Amino acid sequence: MVTFSQIFEYLHDSSFNRKTFGFKPSSNIIKWRLTDLITIVVLIISYTFIWRIEPFQRQFYLNDITIQHPFAERERVNVQELFIYACIVPLITVIAVGILITKPKYKIYNTYVALVGLFLSVLITGAFTDLIKNYIGRHRPDFLARCVPKKDTPVDILVFAKDVCTSTDHAKLMDGFRTTPSGHSSLSFAGLFYLTLWLLGQFVSSDHSVGMGRSLVCGIPSLGALLIALSRTEDYRHHFVDVVIGSLIGVGVASWSYFRLFPSLKHELCYYNWFIISQEEDIKEVQPEDISYTSFSYNETV
């Protein structure tokens, strides 16, 4: 049996590598990002529990004009369509472009790493957004239409939903407390802004010799995310500040997820992930001492 003292000795050993926790950098556990796959599974499982958490039920005024908008029966972008735009479209695009332009040697692996980053971006964003919106408990712009308050409710005093709402659709009413931040905004940018970053890297769009056209094409997914985010204000599902906060969350997580796997867009090999780049650098590595010694010996012989 392993004791705590042995664990401490192992962790404090001078040869211990904190980045890999003792595994060789070239091992399959590191290469195929096993810990990221475990994180993805944990996030999927935790998301099912987070979704069931009831939001904080904040008090409200009936004469608050910001929550008096109608309830849109048909959304411009519903949950199923959001899943397609934020997940399926980036997934298919990464696979198609990766197979089309990546060298055969790295085709599968580079595409695999890009997909791991995509899944992490979307899942982390989704879990974080839904968790904090339950704790904020702010009212949606269409909250009163969901609530259907009693006719004799005073309009100028703070009230609780449980005391004045007559709606029998409990899930619909509870969802009315989940406006900040916007989940559509954060998830659309988590998937589509990640796709923009990946495309910019694949097409080396930041190189000074490349025309602006590539960057504009790569920016189309982010434009789509922006339109999805703005549609939430048109449906009166979110206030503008909800959309701004959600978008910033999506952009932030997508950027973090991408750049932990891929280098700067100005890097010479920006289209490869860090693991491949390290291998490429090892291959190209040359020892100057050996070259000078060989040259010197050859000249002396001559």
Protein backbone atom coordinates (compact mmCIF):
# COMPACT_ATOMS: atom_id res chain seq x y z
CA MET A 1 0.00 0.00 0.00
CA VAL A 2 1.27 3.48 -0.91
CA THR A 3 1.73 5.73 2.11
CA PHE A 4 1.41 9.51 2.34
CA SER A 5 5.13 9.83 2.98
CA GLN A 6 5.86 8.00 -0.27
CA ILE A 7 3.46 10.31 -2.14
CA PHE A 8 5.17 13.39 -0.66
CA GLU A 9 8.60 12.02 -1.56
CA TYR A 10 7.42 11.41 -5.11
CA LEU A 11 5.98 14.91 -5.44
CA HIS A 12 9.06 16.54 -3.90
CA ASP A 13 11.56 14.63 -5.99
CA SER A 14 13.72 16.90 -8.15
CA SER A 15 12.85 14.90 -11.26
CA PHE A 16 9.09 15.34 -10.76
CA ASN A 17 7.45 17.24 -13.62
CA ARG A 18 4.46 19.30 -12.50
CA LYS A 19 3.17 19.73 -16.05
CA THR A 20 2.84 16.00 -16.69
CA PHE A 21 2.62 14.71 -13.07
CA GLY A 22 5.30 12.15 -13.63
CA PHE A 23 4.19 10.97 -17.06
CA LYS A 24 6.61 11.25 -19.97
CA PRO A 25 5.73 14.23 -22.21
CA SER A 26 5.54 11.82 -25.16
CA SER A 27 3.22 9.33 -23.43
CA ASN A 28 -0.22 8.61 -24.91
CA ILE A 29 -1.92 9.96 -21.77
CA ILE A 30 -0.39 13.36 -22.47
CA LYS A 31 -0.55 13.18 -26.24
CA TRP A 32 -4.22 12.19 -26.44
CA ARG A 33 -5.16 14.51 -23.56
CA LEU A 34 -6.79 11.89 -21.37
CA THR A 35 -7.40 14.37 -18.54
CA ASP A 36 -9.30 16.64 -20.94
CA LEU A 37 -11.49 13.71 -22.00
CA ILE A 38 -12.24 12.94 -18.33
CA THR A 39 -13.10 16.62 -17.81
CA ILE A 40 -15.50 16.50 -20.76
CA VAL A 41 -17.31 13.48 -19.29
CA VAL A 42 -17.50 15.13 -15.85
CA LEU A 43 -18.90 18.33 -17.38
CA ILE A 44 -21.57 16.42 -19.29
CA ILE A 45 -22.66 14.61 -16.13
CA SER A 46 -22.57 17.77 -13.96
CA TYR A 47 -24.56 19.72 -16.55
CA THR A 48 -27.56 17.43 -16.02
CA PHE A 49 -27.57 18.34 -12.32
CA ILE A 50 -26.94 22.06 -12.84
CA TRP A 51 -29.95 22.28 -15.15
CA ARG A 52 -32.21 20.99 -12.37
CA ILE A 53 -31.20 23.68 -9.87
CA GLU A 54 -34.06 26.10 -9.24
CA PRO A 55 -33.07 29.76 -9.59
CA PHE A 56 -33.08 32.34 -6.84
CA GLN A 57 -36.52 33.99 -6.87
CA ARG A 58 -35.79 37.69 -6.65
CA GLN A 59 -38.53 40.18 -5.69
CA PHE A 60 -40.04 42.47 -8.31
CA TYR A 61 -42.42 45.38 -8.95
CA LEU A 62 -45.44 44.96 -11.19
CA ASN A 63 -44.85 48.44 -12.59
CA ASP A 64 -41.29 47.60 -13.67
CA ILE A 65 -41.43 48.34 -17.41
CA THR A 66 -38.30 46.25 -18.12
CA ILE A 67 -40.19 43.01 -17.40
CA GLN A 68 -43.51 43.86 -19.08
CA HIS A 69 -42.70 42.56 -22.57
CA PRO A 70 -44.76 39.80 -24.25
CA PHE A 71 -43.75 36.16 -24.19
CA ALA A 72 -42.55 35.00 -27.64
CA GLU A 73 -44.10 31.62 -28.40
CA ARG A 74 -41.66 31.05 -31.26
CA GLU A 75 -38.03 32.02 -30.75
CA ARG A 76 -35.84 33.16 -33.63
CA VAL A 77 -33.17 30.66 -32.52
CA ASN A 78 -34.48 27.92 -30.24
CA VAL A 79 -32.41 25.55 -28.10
CA GLN A 80 -32.20 22.84 -30.78
CA GLU A 81 -31.05 25.34 -33.41
CA LEU A 82 -28.52 26.80 -30.96
CA PHE A 83 -27.05 23.31 -30.50
CA ILE A 84 -26.67 22.99 -34.28
CA TYR A 85 -25.03 26.40 -34.69
CA ALA A 86 -22.76 26.29 -31.62
CA CYS A 87 -21.76 22.60 -31.74
CA ILE A 88 -22.60 20.77 -34.96
CA VAL A 89 -21.50 23.48 -37.40
CA PRO A 90 -18.05 23.94 -35.74
CA LEU A 91 -17.70 20.16 -35.41
CA ILE A 92 -18.34 19.50 -39.10
CA THR A 93 -16.21 22.45 -40.20
CA VAL A 94 -13.20 21.43 -38.11
CA ILE A 95 -13.37 17.85 -39.39
CA ALA A 96 -13.83 18.89 -43.03
CA VAL A 97 -11.11 21.55 -43.07
CA GLY A 98 -8.75 19.43 -40.97
CA ILE A 99 -9.03 16.48 -43.34
CA LEU A 100 -8.76 18.72 -46.40
CA ILE A 101 -5.64 20.81 -45.66
CA THR A 102 -3.65 19.12 -42.86
CA LYS A 103 -0.64 16.97 -43.77
CA PRO A 104 -1.44 13.21 -43.67
CA LYS A 105 1.08 12.69 -40.86
CA TYR A 106 -0.87 14.95 -38.45
CA LYS A 107 -4.33 14.93 -40.04
CA ILE A 108 -6.15 12.84 -37.42
CA TYR A 109 -4.30 14.06 -34.35
CA ASN A 110 -4.45 17.79 -35.11
CA THR A 111 -8.18 17.54 -35.84
CA TYR A 112 -8.73 15.50 -32.68
CA VAL A 113 -7.05 18.11 -30.47
CA ALA A 114 -9.09 20.89 -32.10
CA LEU A 115 -12.30 19.00 -31.31
CA VAL A 116 -11.25 18.47 -27.70
CA GLY A 117 -10.81 22.22 -27.37
CA LEU A 118 -14.20 22.86 -28.98
CA PHE A 119 -16.02 20.49 -26.62
CA LEU A 120 -14.28 21.98 -23.58
CA SER A 121 -15.15 25.50 -24.69
CA VAL A 122 -18.86 24.75 -25.14
CA LEU A 123 -19.28 22.54 -22.07
CA ILE A 124 -17.39 24.81 -19.65
CA THR A 125 -19.32 27.83 -20.94
CA GLY A 126 -22.66 26.06 -20.67
CA ALA A 127 -22.08 24.76 -17.14
CA PHE A 128 -20.72 28.09 -15.88
CA THR A 129 -23.48 30.17 -17.49
CA ASP A 130 -26.33 28.04 -16.16
CA LEU A 131 -24.79 27.85 -12.71
CA ILE A 132 -24.39 31.59 -12.19
CA LYS A 133 -27.70 32.54 -13.81
CA ASN A 134 -29.47 30.38 -11.21
CA TYR A 135 -27.72 32.28 -8.41
CA ILE A 136 -28.31 35.73 -9.92
CA GLY A 137 -32.03 35.13 -10.40
CA ARG A 138 -32.73 38.24 -12.45
CA HIS A 139 -36.08 38.51 -14.25
CA ARG A 140 -36.40 38.11 -17.99
CA PRO A 141 -37.99 40.95 -20.01
CA ASP A 142 -41.09 38.77 -20.46
CA PHE A 143 -41.33 37.78 -16.78
CA LEU A 144 -44.77 39.24 -16.03
CA ALA A 145 -46.23 37.43 -19.06
CA ARG A 146 -44.92 34.19 -17.52
CA CYS A 147 -46.09 35.11 -14.04
CA VAL A 148 -49.67 36.24 -14.83
CA PRO A 149 -49.98 38.15 -11.52
CA LYS A 150 -53.21 38.44 -9.54
CA LYS A 151 -55.32 41.42 -10.54
CA ASP A 152 -55.39 42.88 -7.04
CA THR A 153 -51.61 42.83 -6.62
CA PRO A 154 -50.18 46.26 -5.62
CA VAL A 155 -48.03 47.67 -8.40
CA ASP A 156 -45.66 49.81 -6.35
CA ILE A 157 -44.37 47.39 -3.71
CA LEU A 158 -41.89 44.52 -3.93
CA VAL A 159 -43.56 41.11 -4.18
CA PHE A 160 -42.53 37.47 -4.46
CA ALA A 161 -43.58 35.26 -7.36
CA LYS A 162 -44.96 32.60 -5.01
CA ASP A 163 -47.38 35.17 -3.56
CA VAL A 164 -48.76 36.81 -6.70
CA CYS A 165 -48.16 34.61 -9.76
CA THR A 166 -51.07 32.50 -11.01
CA SER A 167 -49.23 30.61 -13.76
CA THR A 168 -49.54 26.84 -13.52
CA ASP A 169 -46.48 26.22 -15.70
CA HIS A 170 -43.84 26.02 -12.97
CA ALA A 171 -40.90 25.34 -15.33
CA LYS A 172 -41.82 28.31 -17.52
CA LEU A 173 -42.09 30.57 -14.49
CA MET A 174 -38.77 29.42 -13.01
CA ASP A 175 -37.05 29.98 -16.34
CA GLY A 176 -38.18 33.58 -16.07
CA PHE A 177 -35.57 34.07 -13.34
CA ARG A 178 -32.70 32.96 -15.62
CA THR A 179 -31.92 36.01 -17.71
CA THR A 180 -28.37 36.96 -16.65
CA PRO A 181 -26.16 36.01 -18.41
CA SER A 182 -27.60 34.95 -21.74
CA GLY A 183 -26.94 31.27 -22.41
CA HIS A 184 -27.58 31.61 -26.15
CA SER A 185 -24.99 34.39 -26.31
CA SER A 186 -22.31 32.62 -24.30
CA LEU A 187 -22.74 29.26 -26.03
CA SER A 188 -22.87 30.68 -29.54
CA PHE A 189 -19.58 32.51 -29.00
CA ALA A 190 -18.06 29.54 -27.18
CA GLY A 191 -18.54 27.43 -30.29
CA LEU A 192 -18.42 29.90 -33.17
CA PHE A 193 -15.71 32.25 -31.88
CA TYR A 194 -13.59 29.16 -31.16
CA LEU A 195 -14.19 28.15 -34.78
CA THR A 196 -13.08 31.61 -35.94
CA LEU A 197 -9.82 31.35 -34.00
CA TRP A 198 -9.17 27.86 -35.35
CA LEU A 199 -9.84 28.90 -38.94
CA LEU A 200 -7.57 31.95 -38.58
CA GLY A 201 -4.80 29.61 -37.47
CA GLN A 202 -5.40 27.02 -40.15
CA PHE A 203 -5.33 29.59 -42.95
CA VAL A 204 -2.41 31.57 -41.46
CA SER A 205 -4.58 34.67 -41.75
CA SER A 206 -2.36 36.90 -39.61
CA ASP A 207 0.61 36.63 -41.98
CA HIS A 208 1.35 39.99 -43.63
CA SER A 209 1.48 38.38 -47.08
CA VAL A 210 -2.08 37.02 -46.78
CA GLY A 211 -5.00 39.08 -48.09
CA MET A 212 -7.81 40.39 -45.87
CA GLY A 213 -10.28 38.03 -47.55
CA ARG A 214 -9.18 35.06 -45.45
CA SER A 215 -9.72 36.93 -42.18
CA LEU A 216 -13.16 38.09 -43.30
CA VAL A 217 -14.21 34.55 -44.20
CA CYS A 218 -12.87 33.23 -40.89
CA GLY A 219 -14.87 35.91 -39.07
CA ILE A 220 -18.21 34.72 -40.47
CA PRO A 221 -18.82 32.26 -37.58
CA SER A 222 -18.34 35.10 -35.05
CA LEU A 223 -20.78 37.26 -36.99
CA GLY A 224 -23.27 34.42 -36.76
CA ALA A 225 -22.73 34.25 -32.99
CA LEU A 226 -23.38 37.99 -32.73
CA LEU A 227 -26.65 37.68 -34.66
CA ILE A 228 -27.78 34.81 -32.43
CA ALA A 229 -26.98 36.89 -29.33
CA LEU A 230 -28.89 39.92 -30.62
CA SER A 231 -31.90 37.77 -31.51
CA ARG A 232 -32.40 37.16 -27.79
CA THR A 233 -33.24 40.83 -27.30
CA GLU A 234 -35.65 40.71 -30.26
CA ASP A 235 -37.48 37.79 -28.64
CA TYR A 236 -37.49 39.69 -25.30
CA ARG A 237 -35.80 36.73 -23.67
CA HIS A 238 -32.86 38.85 -22.48
CA HIS A 239 -31.87 42.39 -21.63
CA PHE A 240 -28.95 43.89 -23.59
CA VAL A 241 -26.64 43.61 -20.58
CA ASP A 242 -27.39 39.86 -20.39
CA VAL A 243 -26.27 39.48 -24.00
CA VAL A 244 -23.08 41.50 -23.43
CA ILE A 245 -22.10 39.49 -20.33
CA GLY A 246 -22.91 36.17 -22.00
CA SER A 247 -20.94 37.09 -25.12
CA LEU A 248 -17.90 38.06 -23.06
CA ILE A 249 -18.05 34.74 -21.20
CA GLY A 250 -18.21 32.82 -24.47
CA VAL A 251 -15.34 34.78 -26.04
CA GLY A 252 -13.22 34.44 -22.90
CA VAL A 253 -13.67 30.68 -22.52
CA ALA A 254 -13.24 30.05 -26.25
CA SER A 255 -9.98 32.03 -26.29
CA TRP A 256 -8.65 30.23 -23.22
CA SER A 257 -9.62 26.82 -24.61
CA TYR A 258 -8.03 27.50 -28.00
CA PHE A 259 -4.76 29.07 -26.89
CA ARG A 260 -4.00 26.38 -24.32
CA LEU A 261 -3.87 23.92 -27.22
CA PHE A 262 -2.67 26.04 -30.14
CA PRO A 263 -0.04 28.81 -30.36
CA SER A 264 -0.45 32.49 -31.13
CA LEU A 265 -1.98 33.25 -34.50
CA LYS A 266 1.31 34.93 -35.41
CA HIS A 267 3.31 31.76 -34.73
CA GLU A 268 5.16 30.25 -37.65
CA LEU A 269 3.23 26.97 -37.22
CA CYS A 270 -0.06 28.42 -35.95
CA TYR A 271 -2.02 25.69 -37.74
CA TYR A 272 -0.54 22.93 -35.52
CA ASN A 273 -1.19 22.25 -31.85
CA TRP A 274 1.58 22.56 -29.27
CA PHE A 275 2.36 18.83 -29.15
CA ILE A 276 2.99 18.68 -32.91
CA ILE A 277 5.03 21.88 -32.78
CA SER A 278 7.28 20.38 -30.10
CA GLN A 279 7.83 17.34 -32.31
CA GLU A 280 8.58 19.52 -35.33
CA GLU A 281 11.10 21.51 -33.32
CA ASP A 282 12.81 18.33 -32.12
CA ILE A 283 13.15 17.16 -35.71
CA LYS A 284 14.64 20.47 -36.87
CA GLU A 285 16.93 20.80 -33.89
CA VAL A 286 20.59 20.95 -34.93
CA GLN A 287 23.66 21.06 -32.72
CA PRO A 288 25.95 23.89 -33.90
CA GLU A 289 28.97 22.37 -32.16
CA ASP A 290 28.78 19.26 -34.32
CA ILE A 291 28.57 21.31 -37.52
CA SER A 292 31.55 23.50 -36.71
CA TYR A 293 33.61 20.50 -35.62
CA THR A 294 32.84 18.61 -38.83
CA SER A 295 33.66 21.61 -40.96
CA PHE A 296 36.91 22.21 -39.09
CA SER A 297 37.97 18.57 -39.39
CA TYR A 298 37.19 18.55 -43.09
CA ASN A 299 39.23 21.67 -43.75
CA GLU A 300 42.14 20.34 -41.78
CA THR A 301 42.09 17.13 -43.77
CA VAL A 302 42.09 18.98 -47.04
